C-alpha atoms as a PDB file:
ATOM      1  CA  UNK A   1     162.744  18.375 141.389  1.00  0.00           C
ATOM      2  CA  UNK A   2     161.932  21.805 139.992  1.00  0.00           C
ATOM      3  CA  UNK A   3     164.279  24.758 140.319  1.00  0.00           C
ATOM      4  CA  UNK A   4     162.914  28.313 140.147  1.00  0.00           C
ATOM      5  CA  UNK A   5     164.876  31.528 139.654  1.00  0.00           C
ATOM      6  CA  UNK A   6     163.169  34.930 139.830  1.00  0.00           C
ATOM      7  CA  UNK A   7     164.436  38.140 138.294  1.00  0.00           C
ATOM      8  CA  UNK A   8     163.194  41.599 137.413  1.00  0.00           C
ATOM      9  CA  UNK A   9     162.695  43.169 140.811  1.00  0.00           C
ATOM     10  CA  UNK A  10     163.896  46.657 141.648  1.00  0.00           C
ATOM     11  CA  UNK A  11     162.992  50.144 142.777  1.00  0.00           C
ATOM     12  CA  UNK A  12     160.190  51.986 141.002  1.00  0.00           C
ATOM     13  CA  UNK A  13     158.078  55.053 141.695  1.00  0.00           C
ATOM     14  CA  UNK A  14     154.393  54.755 142.476  1.00  0.00           C
ATOM     15  CA  UNK A  15     152.406  54.415 139.279  1.00  0.00           C
ATOM     16  CA  UNK A  16     155.267  52.705 137.491  1.00  0.00           C
ATOM     17  CA  UNK A  17     155.609  49.195 136.121  1.00  0.00           C
ATOM     18  CA  UNK A  18     157.861  46.185 136.535  1.00  0.00           C
ATOM     19  CA  UNK A  19     157.905  42.729 134.960  1.00  0.00           C
ATOM     20  CA  UNK A  20     159.068  39.805 137.050  1.00  0.00           C
ATOM     21  CA  UNK A  21     160.295  36.602 135.453  1.00  0.00           C
ATOM     22  CA  UNK A  22     160.526  33.112 136.895  1.00  0.00           C
ATOM     23  CA  UNK A  23     162.683  30.633 134.989  1.00  0.00           C
ATOM     24  CA  UNK A  24     161.912  27.012 135.765  1.00  0.00           C
ATOM     25  CA  UNK A  25     164.213  24.042 135.206  1.00  0.00           C
ATOM     26  CA  UNK A  26     164.222  20.365 136.070  1.00  0.00           C
ATOM     27  CA  UNK A  27     160.976  18.391 136.000  1.00  0.00           C
ATOM     28  CA  UNK A  28     158.944  21.302 134.679  1.00  0.00           C
ATOM     29  CA  UNK A  29     156.555  18.998 132.836  1.00  0.00           C
ATOM     30  CA  UNK A  30     155.260  17.819 136.210  1.00  0.00           C
ATOM     31  CA  UNK A  31     153.977  21.213 137.334  1.00  0.00           C
ATOM     32  CA  UNK A  32     150.225  21.698 137.567  1.00  0.00           C
ATOM     33  CA  UNK A  33     150.275  25.376 138.525  1.00  0.00           C
ATOM     34  CA  UNK A  34     152.731  28.243 138.837  1.00  0.00           C
ATOM     35  CA  UNK A  35     152.137  31.105 141.205  1.00  0.00           C
ATOM     36  CA  UNK A  36     153.468  34.352 142.579  1.00  0.00           C
ATOM     37  CA  UNK A  37     153.418  35.240 146.252  1.00  0.00           C
ATOM     38  CA  UNK A  38     154.818  38.189 148.172  1.00  0.00           C
ATOM     39  CA  UNK A  39     155.959  38.884 151.684  1.00  0.00           C
ATOM     40  CA  UNK A  40     156.386  42.300 153.235  1.00  0.00           C
ATOM     41  CA  UNK A  41     158.434  42.806 156.432  1.00  0.00           C
ATOM     42  CA  UNK A  42     156.560  41.589 159.476  1.00  0.00           C
ATOM     43  CA  UNK A  43     153.757  40.094 157.408  1.00  0.00           C
ATOM     44  CA  UNK A  44     152.831  36.618 156.273  1.00  0.00           C
ATOM     45  CA  UNK A  45     153.459  35.450 152.754  1.00  0.00           C
ATOM     46  CA  UNK A  46     150.409  36.233 150.650  1.00  0.00           C
ATOM     47  CA  UNK A  47     149.009  35.029 147.359  1.00  0.00           C
ATOM     48  CA  UNK A  48     149.339  37.327 144.351  1.00  0.00           C
ATOM     49  CA  UNK A  49     148.479  35.306 141.226  1.00  0.00           C
ATOM     50  CA  UNK A  50     148.526  31.830 139.748  1.00  0.00           C
ATOM     51  CA  UNK A  51     148.306  30.216 136.332  1.00  0.00           C
ATOM     52  CA  UNK A  52     147.184  26.631 135.860  1.00  0.00           C
ATOM     53  CA  UNK A  53     149.034  24.364 133.475  1.00  0.00           C
ATOM     54  CA  UNK A  54     147.180  23.121 130.429  1.00  0.00           C
ATOM     55  CA  UNK A  55     144.190  25.400 130.134  1.00  0.00           C
ATOM     56  CA  UNK A  56     146.047  28.497 131.325  1.00  0.00           C
ATOM     57  CA  UNK A  57     143.363  29.509 133.817  1.00  0.00           C
ATOM     58  CA  UNK A  58     144.486  32.423 135.985  1.00  0.00           C
ATOM     59  CA  UNK A  59     143.492  33.734 139.367  1.00  0.00           C
ATOM     60  CA  UNK A  60     144.450  36.937 141.190  1.00  0.00           C
ATOM     61  CA  UNK A  61     144.319  38.405 144.652  1.00  0.00           C
ATOM     62  CA  UNK A  62     141.744  41.179 144.893  1.00  0.00           C
ATOM     63  CA  UNK A  63     144.473  43.663 145.808  1.00  0.00           C
ATOM     64  CA  UNK A  64     146.207  43.253 142.418  1.00  0.00           C
ATOM     65  CA  UNK A  65     143.297  42.435 140.119  1.00  0.00           C
ATOM     66  CA  UNK A  66     143.262  44.766 137.126  1.00  0.00           C
ATOM     67  CA  UNK A  67     146.861  45.880 137.728  1.00  0.00           C
ATOM     68  CA  UNK A  68     148.905  42.666 137.568  1.00  0.00           C
ATOM     69  CA  UNK A  69     148.936  40.029 134.842  1.00  0.00           C
ATOM     70  CA  UNK A  70     150.423  36.548 135.116  1.00  0.00           C
ATOM     71  CA  UNK A  71     151.450  34.682 131.991  1.00  0.00           C
ATOM     72  CA  UNK A  72     153.617  31.766 130.982  1.00  0.00           C
ATOM     73  CA  UNK A  73     155.807  30.888 128.029  1.00  0.00           C
ATOM     74  CA  UNK A  74     155.896  27.109 127.908  1.00  0.00           C
ATOM     75  CA  UNK A  75     158.624  27.054 125.270  1.00  0.00           C
ATOM     76  CA  UNK A  76     160.908  28.988 127.621  1.00  0.00           C
ATOM     77  CA  UNK A  77     159.651  27.377 130.847  1.00  0.00           C
ATOM     78  CA  UNK A  78     159.152  30.878 132.191  1.00  0.00           C
ATOM     79  CA  UNK A  79     156.330  32.550 134.084  1.00  0.00           C
ATOM     80  CA  UNK A  80     155.939  36.323 134.123  1.00  0.00           C
ATOM     81  CA  UNK A  81     154.212  38.801 136.389  1.00  0.00           C
ATOM     82  CA  UNK A  82     153.536  42.127 134.707  1.00  0.00           C
ATOM     83  CA  UNK A  83     152.897  44.707 137.402  1.00  0.00           C
ATOM     84  CA  UNK A  84     151.363  48.044 136.419  1.00  0.00           C
ATOM     85  CA  UNK A  85     150.124  51.005 138.445  1.00  0.00           C
ATOM     86  CA  UNK A  86     152.352  49.986 141.313  1.00  0.00           C
ATOM     87  CA  UNK A  87     151.596  51.285 144.797  1.00  0.00           C
ATOM     88  CA  UNK A  88     153.839  51.614 147.864  1.00  0.00           C
ATOM     89  CA  UNK A  89     151.848  48.802 149.489  1.00  0.00           C
ATOM     90  CA  UNK A  90     153.060  46.463 146.735  1.00  0.00           C
ATOM     91  CA  UNK A  91     156.542  46.674 148.272  1.00  0.00           C
ATOM     92  CA  UNK A  92     157.628  43.160 149.234  1.00  0.00           C
ATOM     93  CA  UNK A  93     159.836  40.241 148.343  1.00  0.00           C
ATOM     94  CA  UNK A  94     158.123  38.421 145.488  1.00  0.00           C
ATOM     95  CA  UNK A  95     158.422  34.650 145.278  1.00  0.00           C
ATOM     96  CA  UNK A  96     157.709  32.293 142.413  1.00  0.00           C
ATOM     97  CA  UNK A  97     156.201  28.921 143.328  1.00  0.00           C
ATOM     98  CA  UNK A  98     155.391  25.684 141.542  1.00  0.00           C
ATOM     99  CA  UNK A  99     152.950  22.933 142.367  1.00  0.00           C
ATOM    100  CA  UNK A 100     153.768  19.447 141.185  1.00  0.00           C
ATOM    101  CA  UNK A 101     150.836  17.451 142.543  1.00  0.00           C
ATOM    102  CA  UNK A 102     147.329  17.197 141.179  1.00  0.00           C
ATOM    103  CA  UNK A 103     144.974  20.128 141.450  1.00  0.00           C
ATOM    104  CA  UNK A 104     141.749  20.247 143.342  1.00  0.00           C
ATOM    105  CA  UNK A 105     140.724  23.819 143.881  1.00  0.00           C
ATOM    106  CA  UNK A 106     142.830  26.625 142.440  1.00  0.00           C
ATOM    107  CA  UNK A 107     145.862  26.836 144.732  1.00  0.00           C
ATOM    108  CA  UNK A 108     146.075  30.194 146.499  1.00  0.00           C
ATOM    109  CA  UNK A 109     147.901  29.387 149.733  1.00  0.00           C
ATOM    110  CA  UNK A 110     151.647  28.782 150.204  1.00  0.00           C
ATOM    111  CA  UNK A 111     151.092  25.271 151.541  1.00  0.00           C
ATOM    112  CA  UNK A 112     149.607  24.232 148.205  1.00  0.00           C
ATOM    113  CA  UNK A 113     152.945  24.685 146.420  1.00  0.00           C
ATOM    114  CA  UNK A 114     156.019  22.520 146.848  1.00  0.00           C
ATOM    115  CA  UNK A 115     158.788  24.415 145.053  1.00  0.00           C
ATOM    116  CA  UNK A 116     159.921  27.977 145.677  1.00  0.00           C
ATOM    117  CA  UNK A 117     162.383  30.443 144.238  1.00  0.00           C
ATOM    118  CA  UNK A 118     164.711  32.594 146.299  1.00  0.00           C
ATOM    119  CA  UNK A 119     162.641  35.753 145.881  1.00  0.00           C
ATOM    120  CA  UNK A 120     163.212  39.145 144.292  1.00  0.00           C
ATOM    121  CA  UNK A 121     162.759  42.493 146.034  1.00  0.00           C
ATOM    122  CA  UNK A 122     160.230  44.989 144.702  1.00  0.00           C
ATOM    123  CA  UNK A 123     160.256  48.441 146.258  1.00  0.00           C
ATOM    124  CA  UNK A 124     157.709  51.094 145.286  1.00  0.00           C
ATOM    125  CA  UNK A 125     158.457  54.622 146.429  1.00  0.00           C
ATOM    126  CA  UNK A 126     155.751  57.206 147.012  1.00  0.00           C
END
């Protein structure tokens, strides 16, 4: 089992920045990828970014590329999402996710992850 706890959400003006953190505990050595997803009211959960264990390869949704950066601190078992140049359309609940089974393609859909955090609200005002 892997437990995930997000933090760092809040209210920020458009153009501002936030850094989300996801602290992992339990069988963290078994994870093959860690990702961030978001879900706005009335919308499906969507992929934001992922980082693969080992080589540290990253992948981003087109909507956040160049503005968001995912990183991980293996010593602290923590994954971060640095969000810059925030826009009102970035408003959502942000979820951290972990994948514990072997990778094929880079996982970018919710069904490709088996552990989830409780989510943290990010609100960007215009």
